[in-house]
PDB file of N, CA and C in Angstrom:
ATOM      1  N   MET A   1     -94.949   6.172  30.844  1.00  0.00           N
ATOM      2  CA  MET A   1     -94.396   4.836  30.949  1.00  0.00           C
ATOM      3  C   MET A   1     -93.264   4.839  31.977  1.00  0.00           C
ATOM      4  N   THR A   2     -93.134   3.736  32.661  1.00  0.00           N
ATOM      5  CA  THR A   2     -92.027   3.609  33.603  1.00  0.00           C
ATOM      6  C   THR A   2     -90.749   3.258  32.849  1.00  0.00           C
ATOM      7  N   ILE A   3     -89.630   3.392  33.526  1.00  0.00           N
ATOM      8  CA  ILE A   3     -88.358   3.057  32.899  1.00  0.00           C
ATOM      9  C   ILE A   3     -88.312   1.575  32.539  1.00  0.00           C
ATOM     10  N   SER A   4     -88.948   0.749  33.352  1.00  0.00           N
ATOM     11  CA  SER A   4     -89.009  -0.688  33.078  1.00  0.00           C
ATOM     12  C   SER A   4     -89.783  -0.960  31.788  1.00  0.00           C
ATOM     13  N   GLU A   5     -90.897  -0.294  31.616  1.00  0.00           N
ATOM     14  CA  GLU A   5     -91.708  -0.471  30.405  1.00  0.00           C
ATOM     15  C   GLU A   5     -90.962   0.009  29.161  1.00  0.00           C
ATOM     16  N   VAL A   6     -90.289   1.140  29.280  1.00  0.00           N
ATOM     17  CA  VAL A   6     -89.529   1.682  28.151  1.00  0.00           C
ATOM     18  C   VAL A   6     -88.374   0.749  27.806  1.00  0.00           C
ATOM     19  N   SER A   7     -87.717   0.245  28.825  1.00  0.00           N
ATOM     20  CA  SER A   7     -86.613  -0.688  28.627  1.00  0.00           C
ATOM     21  C   SER A   7     -87.063  -1.913  27.833  1.00  0.00           C
ATOM     22  N   LYS A   8     -88.181  -2.470  28.227  1.00  0.00           N
ATOM     23  CA  LYS A   8     -88.710  -3.651  27.528  1.00  0.00           C
ATOM     24  C   LYS A   8     -89.159  -3.305  26.108  1.00  0.00           C
ATOM     25  N   LYS A   9     -89.830  -2.191  25.958  1.00  0.00           N
ATOM     26  CA  LYS A   9     -90.367  -1.803  24.648  1.00  0.00           C
ATOM     27  C   LYS A   9     -89.276  -1.585  23.613  1.00  0.00           C
ATOM     28  N   TYR A  10     -88.164  -0.952  24.021  1.00  0.00           N
ATOM     29  CA  TYR A  10     -87.126  -0.579  23.062  1.00  0.00           C
ATOM     30  C   TYR A  10     -85.883  -1.468  23.130  1.00  0.00           C
ATOM     31  N   GLY A  11     -85.880  -2.422  24.060  1.00  0.00           N
ATOM     32  CA  GLY A  11     -84.739  -3.328  24.164  1.00  0.00           C
ATOM     33  C   GLY A  11     -83.463  -2.627  24.602  1.00  0.00           C
ATOM     34  N   ILE A  12     -83.612  -1.639  25.461  1.00  0.00           N
ATOM     35  CA  ILE A  12     -82.466  -0.890  25.996  1.00  0.00           C
ATOM     36  C   ILE A  12     -82.516  -1.045  27.513  1.00  0.00           C
ATOM     37  N   SER A  13     -81.404  -1.410  28.100  1.00  0.00           N
ATOM     38  CA  SER A  13     -81.410  -1.648  29.546  1.00  0.00           C
ATOM     39  C   SER A  13     -81.745  -0.364  30.313  1.00  0.00           C
ATOM     40  N   GLN A  14     -82.245  -0.546  31.521  1.00  0.00           N
ATOM     41  CA  GLN A  14     -82.563   0.601  32.364  1.00  0.00           C
ATOM     42  C   GLN A  14     -81.304   1.406  32.682  1.00  0.00           C
ATOM     43  N   ASP A  15     -80.203   0.709  32.904  1.00  0.00           N
ATOM     44  CA  ASP A  15     -78.942   1.408  33.173  1.00  0.00           C
ATOM     45  C   ASP A  15     -78.537   2.271  31.979  1.00  0.00           C
ATOM     46  N   THR A  16     -78.712   1.736  30.763  1.00  0.00           N
ATOM     47  CA  THR A  16     -78.367   2.499  29.564  1.00  0.00           C
ATOM     48  C   THR A  16     -79.275   3.712  29.426  1.00  0.00           C
ATOM     49  N   LEU A  17     -80.556   3.547  29.704  1.00  0.00           N
ATOM     50  CA  LEU A  17     -81.480   4.687  29.635  1.00  0.00           C
ATOM     51  C   LEU A  17     -81.064   5.778  30.619  1.00  0.00           C
ATOM     52  N   ARG A  18     -80.685   5.392  31.827  1.00  0.00           N
ATOM     53  CA  ARG A  18     -80.236   6.376  32.813  1.00  0.00           C
ATOM     54  C   ARG A  18     -78.953   7.061  32.336  1.00  0.00           C
ATOM     55  N   TYR A  19     -78.040   6.260  31.797  1.00  0.00           N
ATOM     56  CA  TYR A  19     -76.785   6.803  31.279  1.00  0.00           C
ATOM     57  C   TYR A  19     -77.048   7.788  30.142  1.00  0.00           C
ATOM     58  N   TYR A  20     -77.899   7.401  29.201  1.00  0.00           N
ATOM     59  CA  TYR A  20     -78.230   8.276  28.082  1.00  0.00           C
ATOM     60  C   TYR A  20     -78.765   9.616  28.576  1.00  0.00           C
ATOM     61  N   GLU A  21     -79.600   9.571  29.587  1.00  0.00           N
ATOM     62  CA  GLU A  21     -80.137  10.820  30.122  1.00  0.00           C
ATOM     63  C   GLU A  21     -79.040  11.627  30.821  1.00  0.00           C
ATOM     64  N   ARG A  22     -78.201  10.939  31.577  1.00  0.00           N
ATOM     65  CA  ARG A  22     -77.141  11.618  32.333  1.00  0.00           C
ATOM     66  C   ARG A  22     -76.147  12.337  31.415  1.00  0.00           C
ATOM     67  N   VAL A  23     -75.784  11.699  30.282  1.00  0.00           N
ATOM     68  CA  VAL A  23     -74.770  12.303  29.399  1.00  0.00           C
ATOM     69  C   VAL A  23     -75.375  13.190  28.320  1.00  0.00           C
ATOM     70  N   GLY A  24     -76.688  13.210  28.196  1.00  0.00           N
ATOM     71  CA  GLY A  24     -77.330  14.107  27.243  1.00  0.00           C
ATOM     72  C   GLY A  24     -77.730  13.487  25.923  1.00  0.00           C
ATOM     73  N   VAL A  25     -77.673  12.162  25.803  1.00  0.00           N
ATOM     74  CA  VAL A  25     -78.184  11.507  24.595  1.00  0.00           C
ATOM     75  C   VAL A  25     -79.703  11.631  24.565  1.00  0.00           C
ATOM     76  N   LEU A  26     -80.304  11.689  25.737  1.00  0.00           N
ATOM     77  CA  LEU A  26     -81.740  11.951  25.878  1.00  0.00           C
ATOM     78  C   LEU A  26     -81.901  13.259  26.635  1.00  0.00           C
ATOM     79  N   PRO A  27     -82.839  14.080  26.215  1.00  0.00           N
ATOM     80  CA  PRO A  27     -83.154  15.261  27.032  1.00  0.00           C
ATOM     81  C   PRO A  27     -83.685  14.783  28.389  1.00  0.00           C
ATOM     82  N   PRO A  28     -83.694  15.647  29.385  1.00  0.00           N
ATOM     83  CA  PRO A  28     -84.222  15.221  30.686  1.00  0.00           C
ATOM     84  C   PRO A  28     -85.624  14.622  30.541  1.00  0.00           C
ATOM     85  N   VAL A  29     -85.796  13.446  31.120  1.00  0.00           N
ATOM     86  CA  VAL A  29     -87.060  12.722  31.033  1.00  0.00           C
ATOM     87  C   VAL A  29     -88.042  13.306  32.049  1.00  0.00           C
ATOM     88  N   HIS A  30     -89.307  13.363  31.648  1.00  0.00           N
ATOM     89  CA  HIS A  30     -90.368  13.844  32.534  1.00  0.00           C
ATOM     90  C   HIS A  30     -90.359  13.012  33.818  1.00  0.00           C
ATOM     91  N   ARG A  31     -90.640  13.646  34.934  1.00  0.00           N
ATOM     92  CA  ARG A  31     -90.654  12.968  36.239  1.00  0.00           C
ATOM     93  C   ARG A  31     -91.994  13.181  36.930  1.00  0.00           C
ATOM     94  N   THR A  32     -92.354  12.192  37.736  1.00  0.00           N
ATOM     95  CA  THR A  32     -93.555  12.327  38.559  1.00  0.00           C
ATOM     96  C   THR A  32     -93.237  13.265  39.720  1.00  0.00           C
ATOM     97  N   LYS A  33     -94.246  13.619  40.491  1.00  0.00           N
ATOM     98  CA  LYS A  33     -94.029  14.490  41.648  1.00  0.00           C
ATOM     99  C   LYS A  33     -93.075  13.856  42.645  1.00  0.00           C
ATOM    100  N   SER A  34     -93.057  12.523  42.681  1.00  0.00           N
ATOM    101  CA  SER A  34     -92.154  11.842  43.607  1.00  0.00           C
ATOM    102  C   SER A  34     -90.758  11.631  43.013  1.00  0.00           C
ATOM    103  N   GLY A  35     -90.540  12.097  41.786  1.00  0.00           N
ATOM    104  CA  GLY A  35     -89.213  12.050  41.192  1.00  0.00           C
ATOM    105  C   GLY A  35     -88.924  10.844  40.318  1.00  0.00           C
ATOM    106  N   LEU A  36     -89.905   9.964  40.150  1.00  0.00           N
ATOM    107  CA  LEU A  36     -89.700   8.793  39.305  1.00  0.00           C
ATOM    108  C   LEU A  36     -89.821   9.179  37.832  1.00  0.00           C
ATOM    109  N   ARG A  37     -89.032   8.540  37.004  1.00  0.00           N
ATOM    110  CA  ARG A  37     -89.117   8.794  35.566  1.00  0.00           C
ATOM    111  C   ARG A  37     -90.482   8.336  35.060  1.00  0.00           C
ATOM    112  N   ASP A  38     -91.119   9.199  34.294  1.00  0.00           N
ATOM    113  CA  ASP A  38     -92.419   8.912  33.696  1.00  0.00           C
ATOM    114  C   ASP A  38     -92.330   9.317  32.224  1.00  0.00           C
ATOM    115  N   TYR A  39     -91.888   8.374  31.392  1.00  0.00           N
ATOM    116  CA  TYR A  39     -91.612   8.660  29.987  1.00  0.00           C
ATOM    117  C   TYR A  39     -92.893   9.037  29.247  1.00  0.00           C
ATOM    118  N   THR A  40     -92.871  10.208  28.645  1.00  0.00           N
ATOM    119  CA  THR A  40     -93.978  10.668  27.821  1.00  0.00           C
ATOM    120  C   THR A  40     -93.786  10.137  26.398  1.00  0.00           C
ATOM    121  N   ALA A  41     -94.754  10.379  25.539  1.00  0.00           N
ATOM    122  CA  ALA A  41     -94.616   9.983  24.129  1.00  0.00           C
ATOM    123  C   ALA A  41     -93.402  10.674  23.512  1.00  0.00           C
ATOM    124  N   LYS A  42     -93.174  11.929  23.852  1.00  0.00           N
ATOM    125  CA  LYS A  42     -92.018  12.674  23.331  1.00  0.00           C
ATOM    126  C   LYS A  42     -90.708  12.066  23.840  1.00  0.00           C
ATOM    127  N   ASP A  43     -90.666  11.716  25.118  1.00  0.00           N
ATOM    128  CA  ASP A  43     -89.476  11.066  25.670  1.00  0.00           C
ATOM    129  C   ASP A  43     -89.190   9.761  24.922  1.00  0.00           C
ATOM    130  N   CYS A  44     -90.256   9.008  24.629  1.00  0.00           N
ATOM    131  CA  CYS A  44     -90.105   7.736  23.920  1.00  0.00           C
ATOM    132  C   CYS A  44     -89.599   7.946  22.493  1.00  0.00           C
ATOM    133  N   GLU A  45     -89.988   9.047  21.863  1.00  0.00           N
ATOM    134  CA  GLU A  45     -89.461   9.353  20.530  1.00  0.00           C
ATOM    135  C   GLU A  45     -87.948   9.538  20.597  1.00  0.00           C
ATOM    136  N   TRP A  46     -87.472  10.208  21.645  1.00  0.00           N
ATOM    137  CA  TRP A  46     -86.033  10.398  21.819  1.00  0.00           C
ATOM    138  C   TRP A  46     -85.331   9.066  22.065  1.00  0.00           C
ATOM    139  N   VAL A  47     -85.956   8.203  22.863  1.00  0.00           N
ATOM    140  CA  VAL A  47     -85.378   6.875  23.144  1.00  0.00           C
ATOM    141  C   VAL A  47     -85.277   6.083  21.844  1.00  0.00           C
ATOM    142  N   GLU A  48     -86.329   6.125  21.052  1.00  0.00           N
ATOM    143  CA  GLU A  48     -86.338   5.404  19.778  1.00  0.00           C
ATOM    144  C   GLU A  48     -85.247   5.938  18.841  1.00  0.00           C
ATOM    145  N   LEU A  49     -85.117   7.253  18.761  1.00  0.00           N
ATOM    146  CA  LEU A  49     -84.080   7.857  17.931  1.00  0.00           C
ATOM    147  C   LEU A  49     -82.689   7.446  18.413  1.00  0.00           C
ATOM    148  N   ALA A  50     -82.470   7.501  19.712  1.00  0.00           N
ATOM    149  CA  ALA A  50     -81.162   7.132  20.268  1.00  0.00           C
ATOM    150  C   ALA A  50     -80.839   5.674  19.949  1.00  0.00           C
ATOM    151  N   GLY A  51     -81.813   4.796  20.119  1.00  0.00           N
ATOM    152  CA  GLY A  51     -81.586   3.384  19.814  1.00  0.00           C
ATOM    153  C   GLY A  51     -81.253   3.163  18.357  1.00  0.00           C
ATOM    154  N   CYS A  52     -81.980   3.827  17.482  1.00  0.00           N
ATOM    155  CA  CYS A  52     -81.743   3.705  16.043  1.00  0.00           C
ATOM    156  C   CYS A  52     -80.361   4.218  15.678  1.00  0.00           C
ATOM    157  N   MET A  53     -80.026   5.391  16.149  1.00  0.00           N
ATOM    158  CA  MET A  53     -78.746   6.000  15.812  1.00  0.00           C
ATOM    159  C   MET A  53     -77.577   5.210  16.386  1.00  0.00           C
ATOM    160  N   ARG A  54     -77.714   4.721  17.608  1.00  0.00           N
ATOM    161  CA  ARG A  54     -76.635   3.931  18.206  1.00  0.00           C
ATOM    162  C   ARG A  54     -76.468   2.610  17.455  1.00  0.00           C
ATOM    163  N   SER A  55     -77.569   1.994  17.031  1.00  0.00           N
ATOM    164  CA  SER A  55     -77.447   0.735  16.293  1.00  0.00           C
ATOM    165  C   SER A  55     -76.792   0.959  14.932  1.00  0.00           C
ATOM    166  N   ALA A  56     -76.863   2.183  14.428  1.00  0.00           N
ATOM    167  CA  ALA A  56     -76.200   2.526  13.171  1.00  0.00           C
ATOM    168  C   ALA A  56     -74.744   2.917  13.403  1.00  0.00           C
ATOM    169  N   GLY A  57     -74.330   2.948  14.660  1.00  0.00           N
ATOM    170  CA  GLY A  57     -72.937   3.225  14.968  1.00  0.00           C
ATOM    171  C   GLY A  57     -72.600   4.670  15.281  1.00  0.00           C
ATOM    172  N   LEU A  58     -73.602   5.522  15.424  1.00  0.00           N
ATOM    173  CA  LEU A  58     -73.303   6.914  15.741  1.00  0.00           C
ATOM    174  C   LEU A  58     -72.706   7.016  17.140  1.00  0.00           C
ATOM    175  N   PRO A  59     -71.660   7.801  17.282  1.00  0.00           N
ATOM    176  CA  PRO A  59     -71.034   7.935  18.605  1.00  0.00           C
ATOM    177  C   PRO A  59     -71.911   8.739  19.565  1.00  0.00           C
ATOM    178  N   ILE A  60     -71.718   8.463  20.835  1.00  0.00           N
ATOM    179  CA  ILE A  60     -72.445   9.171  21.895  1.00  0.00           C
ATOM    180  C   ILE A  60     -72.269  10.680  21.740  1.00  0.00           C
ATOM    181  N   GLU A  61     -71.050  11.109  21.422  1.00  0.00           N
ATOM    182  CA  GLU A  61     -70.764  12.543  21.318  1.00  0.00           C
ATOM    183  C   GLU A  61     -71.623  13.206  20.243  1.00  0.00           C
ATOM    184  N   ALA A  62     -71.827  12.523  19.120  1.00  0.00           N
ATOM    185  CA  ALA A  62     -72.652  13.087  18.050  1.00  0.00           C
ATOM    186  C   ALA A  62     -74.105  13.195  18.497  1.00  0.00           C
ATOM    187  N   LEU A  63     -74.568  12.197  19.208  1.00  0.00           N
ATOM    188  CA  LEU A  63     -75.954  12.233  19.689  1.00  0.00           C
ATOM    189  C   LEU A  63     -76.159  13.326  20.737  1.00  0.00           C
ATOM    190  N   THR A  64     -75.207  13.466  21.641  1.00  0.00           N
ATOM    191  CA  THR A  64     -75.365  14.518  22.655  1.00  0.00           C
ATOM    192  C   THR A  64     -75.337  15.900  22.010  1.00  0.00           C
ATOM    193  N   GLU A  65     -74.495  16.065  21.001  1.00  0.00           N
ATOM    194  CA  GLU A  65     -74.445  17.350  20.285  1.00  0.00           C
ATOM    195  C   GLU A  65     -75.770  17.606  19.571  1.00  0.00           C
ATOM    196  N   TYR A  66     -76.324  16.580  18.952  1.00  0.00           N
ATOM    197  CA  TYR A  66     -77.611  16.720  18.257  1.00  0.00           C
ATOM    198  C   TYR A  66     -78.713  17.140  19.241  1.00  0.00           C
ATOM    199  N   VAL A  67     -78.766  16.488  20.388  1.00  0.00           N
ATOM    200  CA  VAL A  67     -79.775  16.837  21.396  1.00  0.00           C
ATOM    201  C   VAL A  67     -79.569  18.265  21.867  1.00  0.00           C
ATOM    202  N   ARG A  68     -78.322  18.639  22.109  1.00  0.00           N
ATOM    203  CA  ARG A  68     -78.027  20.011  22.548  1.00  0.00           C
ATOM    204  C   ARG A  68     -78.513  21.021  21.517  1.00  0.00           C
ATOM    205  N   LEU A  69     -78.242  20.734  20.248  1.00  0.00           N
ATOM    206  CA  LEU A  69     -78.684  21.639  19.185  1.00  0.00           C
ATOM    207  C   LEU A  69     -80.206  21.721  19.123  1.00  0.00           C
ATOM    208  N   CYS A  70     -80.867  20.583  19.247  1.00  0.00           N
ATOM    209  CA  CYS A  70     -82.340  20.578  19.227  1.00  0.00           C
ATOM    210  C   CYS A  70     -82.898  21.434  20.355  1.00  0.00           C
ATOM    211  N   GLN A  71     -82.285  21.352  21.507  1.00  0.00           N
ATOM    212  CA  GLN A  71     -82.761  22.112  22.660  1.00  0.00           C
ATOM    213  C   GLN A  71     -82.428  23.592  22.544  1.00  0.00           C
ATOM    214  N   SER A  72     -81.512  23.938  21.635  1.00  0.00           N
ATOM    215  CA  SER A  72     -81.106  25.335  21.469  1.00  0.00           C
ATOM    216  C   SER A  72     -82.057  26.140  20.587  1.00  0.00           C
ATOM    217  N   GLY A  73     -82.950  25.445  19.887  1.00  0.00           N
ATOM    218  CA  GLY A  73     -83.946  26.170  19.108  1.00  0.00           C
ATOM    219  C   GLY A  73     -83.782  26.048  17.609  1.00  0.00           C
ATOM    220  N   ASP A  74     -84.738  26.658  16.920  1.00  0.00           N
ATOM    221  CA  ASP A  74     -84.836  26.547  15.469  1.00  0.00           C
ATOM    222  C   ASP A  74     -83.659  27.163  14.719  1.00  0.00           C
ATOM    223  N   GLU A  75     -82.916  28.048  15.364  1.00  0.00           N
ATOM    224  CA  GLU A  75     -81.783  28.662  14.676  1.00  0.00           C
ATOM    225  C   GLU A  75     -80.643  27.664  14.442  1.00  0.00           C
ATOM    226  N   THR A  76     -80.780  26.453  14.972  1.00  0.00           N
ATOM    227  CA  THR A  76     -79.732  25.437  14.790  1.00  0.00           C
ATOM    228  C   THR A  76     -80.075  24.425  13.692  1.00  0.00           C
ATOM    229  N   PHE A  77     -81.084  24.696  12.900  1.00  0.00           N
ATOM    230  CA  PHE A  77     -81.468  23.753  11.835  1.00  0.00           C
ATOM    231  C   PHE A  77     -80.282  23.375  10.953  1.00  0.00           C
ATOM    232  N   ARG A  78     -79.538  24.373  10.501  1.00  0.00           N
ATOM    233  CA  ARG A  78     -78.406  24.107   9.600  1.00  0.00           C
ATOM    234  C   ARG A  78     -77.345  23.248  10.294  1.00  0.00           C
ATOM    235  N   GLU A  79     -77.035  23.553  11.546  1.00  0.00           N
ATOM    236  CA  GLU A  79     -76.039  22.775  12.277  1.00  0.00           C
ATOM    237  C   GLU A  79     -76.496  21.327  12.468  1.00  0.00           C
ATOM    238  N   ARG A  80     -77.777  21.161  12.771  1.00  0.00           N
ATOM    239  CA  ARG A  80     -78.323  19.803  12.942  1.00  0.00           C
ATOM    240  C   ARG A  80     -78.223  19.024  11.641  1.00  0.00           C
ATOM    241  N   ARG A  81     -78.603  19.693  10.551  1.00  0.00           N
ATOM    242  CA  ARG A  81     -78.534  19.050   9.241  1.00  0.00           C
ATOM    243  C   ARG A  81     -77.096  18.659   8.930  1.00  0.00           C
ATOM    244  N   ASP A  82     -76.163  19.562   9.172  1.00  0.00           N
ATOM    245  CA  ASP A  82     -74.757  19.284   8.894  1.00  0.00           C
ATOM    246  C   ASP A  82     -74.242  18.122   9.731  1.00  0.00           C
ATOM    247  N   LEU A  83     -74.619  18.088  10.987  1.00  0.00           N
ATOM    248  CA  LEU A  83     -74.206  16.996  11.863  1.00  0.00           C
ATOM    249  C   LEU A  83     -74.733  15.660  11.339  1.00  0.00           C
ATOM    250  N   LEU A  84     -76.006  15.622  10.982  1.00  0.00           N
ATOM    251  CA  LEU A  84     -76.595  14.385  10.467  1.00  0.00           C
ATOM    252  C   LEU A  84     -75.984  13.991   9.131  1.00  0.00           C
ATOM    253  N   LEU A  85     -75.710  14.968   8.290  1.00  0.00           N
ATOM    254  CA  LEU A  85     -75.083  14.692   6.999  1.00  0.00           C
ATOM    255  C   LEU A  85     -73.696  14.078   7.196  1.00  0.00           C
ATOM    256  N   LYS A  86     -72.932  14.636   8.108  1.00  0.00           N
ATOM    257  CA  LYS A  86     -71.596  14.095   8.404  1.00  0.00           C
ATOM    258  C   LYS A  86     -71.703  12.656   8.898  1.00  0.00           C
ATOM    259  N   GLN A  87     -72.644  12.398   9.784  1.00  0.00           N
ATOM    260  CA  GLN A  87     -72.816  11.041  10.303  1.00  0.00           C
ATOM    261  C   GLN A  87     -73.268  10.090   9.202  1.00  0.00           C
ATOM    262  N   ARG A  88     -74.098  10.579   8.301  1.00  0.00           N
ATOM    263  CA  ARG A  88     -74.548   9.760   7.184  1.00  0.00           C
ATOM    264  C   ARG A  88     -73.375   9.377   6.283  1.00  0.00           C
ATOM    265  N   GLN A  89     -72.512  10.344   6.019  1.00  0.00           N
ATOM    266  CA  GLN A  89     -71.345  10.078   5.176  1.00  0.00           C
ATOM    267  C   GLN A  89     -70.436   9.029   5.817  1.00  0.00           C
ATOM    268  N   GLN A  90     -70.269   9.110   7.132  1.00  0.00           N
ATOM    269  CA  GLN A  90     -69.459   8.115   7.829  1.00  0.00           C
ATOM    270  C   GLN A  90     -70.110   6.735   7.758  1.00  0.00           C
ATOM    271  N   LEU A  91     -71.428   6.705   7.864  1.00  0.00           N
ATOM    272  CA  LEU A  91     -72.157   5.442   7.781  1.00  0.00           C
ATOM    273  C   LEU A  91     -72.033   4.825   6.384  1.00  0.00           C
ATOM    274  N   VAL A  92     -72.108   5.648   5.353  1.00  0.00           N
ATOM    275  CA  VAL A  92     -71.931   5.165   3.979  1.00  0.00           C
ATOM    276  C   VAL A  92     -70.556   4.525   3.831  1.00  0.00           C
ATOM    277  N   SER A  93     -69.528   5.150   4.408  1.00  0.00           N
ATOM    278  CA  SER A  93     -68.175   4.588   4.344  1.00  0.00           C
ATOM    279  C   SER A  93     -68.103   3.247   5.073  1.00  0.00           C
ATOM    280  N   GLN A  94     -68.747   3.164   6.212  1.00  0.00           N
ATOM    281  CA  GLN A  94     -68.755   1.904   6.969  1.00  0.00           C
ATOM    282  C   GLN A  94     -69.484   0.806   6.200  1.00  0.00           C
ATOM    283  N   ILE A  95     -70.581   1.162   5.547  1.00  0.00           N
ATOM    284  CA  ILE A  95     -71.335   0.190   4.761  1.00  0.00           C
ATOM    285  C   ILE A  95     -70.480  -0.336   3.622  1.00  0.00           C
ATOM    286  N   LYS A  96     -69.723   0.549   2.972  1.00  0.00           N
ATOM    287  CA  LYS A  96     -68.851   0.131   1.876  1.00  0.00           C
ATOM    288  C   LYS A  96     -67.822  -0.882   2.368  1.00  0.00           C
ATOM    289  N   ILE A  97     -67.228  -0.602   3.509  1.00  0.00           N
ATOM    290  CA  ILE A  97     -66.249  -1.528   4.089  1.00  0.00           C
ATOM    291  C   ILE A  97     -66.906  -2.868   4.400  1.00  0.00           C
ATOM    292  N   MET A  98     -68.099  -2.835   4.944  1.00  0.00           N
ATOM    293  CA  MET A  98     -68.804  -4.082   5.274  1.00  0.00           C
ATOM    294  C   MET A  98     -69.163  -4.859   4.011  1.00  0.00           C
ATOM    295  N   GLU A  99     -69.552  -4.155   2.952  1.00  0.00           N
ATOM    296  CA  GLU A  99     -69.872  -4.831   1.692  1.00  0.00           C
ATOM    297  C   GLU A  99     -68.635  -5.506   1.115  1.00  0.00           C
ATOM    298  N   GLU A 100     -67.490  -4.830   1.188  1.00  0.00           N
ATOM    299  CA  GLU A 100     -66.237  -5.420   0.707  1.00  0.00           C
ATOM    300  C   GLU A 100     -65.870  -6.655   1.532  1.00  0.00           C
ATOM    301  N   THR A 101     -66.068  -6.572   2.825  1.00  0.00           N
ATOM    302  CA  THR A 101     -65.802  -7.713   3.702  1.00  0.00           C
ATOM    303  C   THR A 101     -66.733  -8.878   3.362  1.00  0.00           C
ATOM    304  N   MET A 102     -67.994  -8.570   3.108  1.00  0.00           N
ATOM    305  CA  MET A 102     -68.960  -9.597   2.750  1.00  0.00           C
ATOM    306  C   MET A 102     -68.554 -10.293   1.449  1.00  0.00           C
ATOM    307  N   GLU A 103     -68.107  -9.532   0.473  1.00  0.00           N
ATOM    308  CA  GLU A 103     -67.659 -10.121  -0.794  1.00  0.00           C
ATOM    309  C   GLU A 103     -66.483 -11.070  -0.560  1.00  0.00           C
ATOM    310  N   ARG A 104     -65.541 -10.657   0.266  1.00  0.00           N
ATOM    311  CA  ARG A 104     -64.383 -11.512   0.551  1.00  0.00           C
ATOM    312  C   ARG A 104     -64.820 -12.789   1.262  1.00  0.00           C
ATOM    313  N   LEU A 105     -65.719 -12.664   2.224  1.00  0.00           N
ATOM    314  CA  LEU A 105     -66.232 -13.846   2.916  1.00  0.00           C
ATOM    315  C   LEU A 105     -66.960 -14.778   1.948  1.00  0.00           C
ATOM    316  N   ASP A 106     -67.778 -14.213   1.077  1.00  0.00           N
ATOM    317  CA  ASP A 106     -68.492 -15.029   0.089  1.00  0.00           C
ATOM    318  C   ASP A 106     -67.519 -15.798  -0.798  1.00  0.00           C
ATOM    319  N   TYR A 107     -66.435 -15.124  -1.203  1.00  0.00           N
ATOM    320  CA  TYR A 107     -65.421 -15.776  -2.030  1.00  0.00           C
ATOM    321  C   TYR A 107     -64.792 -16.947  -1.268  1.00  0.00           C
ATOM    322  N   LYS A 108     -64.396 -16.715  -0.040  1.00  0.00           N
ATOM    323  CA  LYS A 108     -63.761 -17.767   0.756  1.00  0.00           C
ATOM    324  C   LYS A 108     -64.725 -18.923   0.993  1.00  0.00           C
ATOM    325  N   ILE A 109     -65.977 -18.621   1.264  1.00  0.00           N
ATOM    326  CA  ILE A 109     -66.977 -19.671   1.466  1.00  0.00           C
ATOM    327  C   ILE A 109     -67.128 -20.502   0.200  1.00  0.00           C
ATOM    328  N   SER A 110     -67.147 -19.840  -0.961  1.00  0.00           N
ATOM    329  CA  SER A 110     -67.277 -20.590  -2.221  1.00  0.00           C
ATOM    330  C   SER A 110     -66.072 -21.495  -2.440  1.00  0.00           C
ATOM    331  N   CYS A 111     -64.888 -21.034  -2.065  1.00  0.00           N
ATOM    332  CA  CYS A 111     -63.694 -21.887  -2.180  1.00  0.00           C
ATOM    333  C   CYS A 111     -63.830 -23.113  -1.279  1.00  0.00           C
ATOM    334  N   TYR A 112     -64.331 -22.918  -0.074  1.00  0.00           N
ATOM    335  CA  TYR A 112     -64.505 -24.057   0.830  1.00  0.00           C
ATOM    336  C   TYR A 112     -65.639 -24.969   0.371  1.00  0.00           C
ATOM    337  N   ASP A 113     -66.680 -24.415  -0.247  1.00  0.00           N
ATOM    338  CA  ASP A 113     -67.732 -25.259  -0.820  1.00  0.00           C
ATOM    339  C   ASP A 113     -67.131 -26.204  -1.859  1.00  0.00           C
ATOM    340  N   LYS A 114     -66.269 -25.672  -2.714  1.00  0.00           N
ATOM    341  CA  LYS A 114     -65.600 -26.500  -3.730  1.00  0.00           C
ATOM    342  C   LYS A 114     -64.677 -27.519  -3.073  1.00  0.00           C
ATOM    343  N   ALA A 115     -63.976 -27.094  -2.025  1.00  0.00           N
ATOM    344  CA  ALA A 115     -63.062 -28.001  -1.330  1.00  0.00           C
ATOM    345  C   ALA A 115     -63.812 -29.152  -0.676  1.00  0.00           C
ATOM    346  N   VAL A 116     -64.967 -28.864  -0.136  1.00  0.00           N
ATOM    347  CA  VAL A 116     -65.781 -29.927   0.475  1.00  0.00           C
ATOM    348  C   VAL A 116     -66.178 -30.948  -0.587  1.00  0.00           C
ATOM    349  N   LYS A 117     -66.514 -30.489  -1.790  1.00  0.00           N
ATOM    350  CA  LYS A 117     -66.934 -31.378  -2.875  1.00  0.00           C
ATOM    351  C   LYS A 117     -65.765 -32.151  -3.484  1.00  0.00           C
ATOM    352  N   THR A 118     -64.598 -31.479  -3.622  1.00  0.00           N
ATOM    353  CA  THR A 118     -63.467 -32.076  -4.347  1.00  0.00           C
ATOM    354  C   THR A 118     -62.378 -32.630  -3.446  1.00  0.00           C
ATOM    355  N   GLY A 119     -62.386 -32.210  -2.198  1.00  0.00           N
ATOM    356  CA  GLY A 119     -61.316 -32.629  -1.300  1.00  0.00           C
ATOM    357  C   GLY A 119     -60.062 -31.811  -1.432  1.00  0.00           C
ATOM    358  N   LYS A 120     -60.081 -30.762  -2.252  1.00  0.00           N
ATOM    359  CA  LYS A 120     -58.908 -29.908  -2.468  1.00  0.00           C
ATOM    360  C   LYS A 120     -59.304 -28.442  -2.319  1.00  0.00           C
ATOM    361  N   LEU A 121     -58.449 -27.714  -1.601  1.00  0.00           N
ATOM    362  CA  LEU A 121     -58.685 -26.279  -1.427  1.00  0.00           C
ATOM    363  C   LEU A 121     -57.867 -25.524  -2.468  1.00  0.00           C
ATOM    364  N   ILE A 122     -58.561 -24.810  -3.311  1.00  0.00           N
ATOM    365  CA  ILE A 122     -57.898 -24.032  -4.365  1.00  0.00           C
ATOM    366  C   ILE A 122     -58.329 -22.573  -4.232  1.00  0.00           C
ATOM    367  N   TRP A 123     -57.327 -21.686  -4.109  1.00  0.00           N
ATOM    368  CA  TRP A 123     -57.592 -20.250  -4.063  1.00  0.00           C
ATOM    369  C   TRP A 123     -57.364 -19.682  -5.450  1.00  0.00           C
ATOM    370  N   TYR A 124     -58.297 -18.912  -5.914  1.00  0.00           N
ATOM    371  CA  TYR A 124     -58.181 -18.321  -7.253  1.00  0.00           C
ATOM    372  C   TYR A 124     -57.719 -16.910  -7.171  1.00  0.00           C
TER     373      TYR A 124
END
């Protein structure tokens, strides 16, 4: 696949795909003899993983470390697992904060719903 096709398929700009490859979020992408990027199915799996992880808030540094570990071989299984576990724990903490924020917003919205009906804003 061309970079344009991959960009459209995964909703990631071509500039971002180039950046991801340059900083190591993606392993080096397969190239044609003329040097153009020719994304293989394996390359696309990496793009999909990067998009998923970035949308979950994982930092670039964590992704580049994960890719580096993957490229280092099977002896890094434990390190990869630990890295992902750490990122998961951080994500759980972020979700908790978002849930608390959602509860507060729901409360405020309910107060305004009552205010719209009664003409008075009352905070409980």
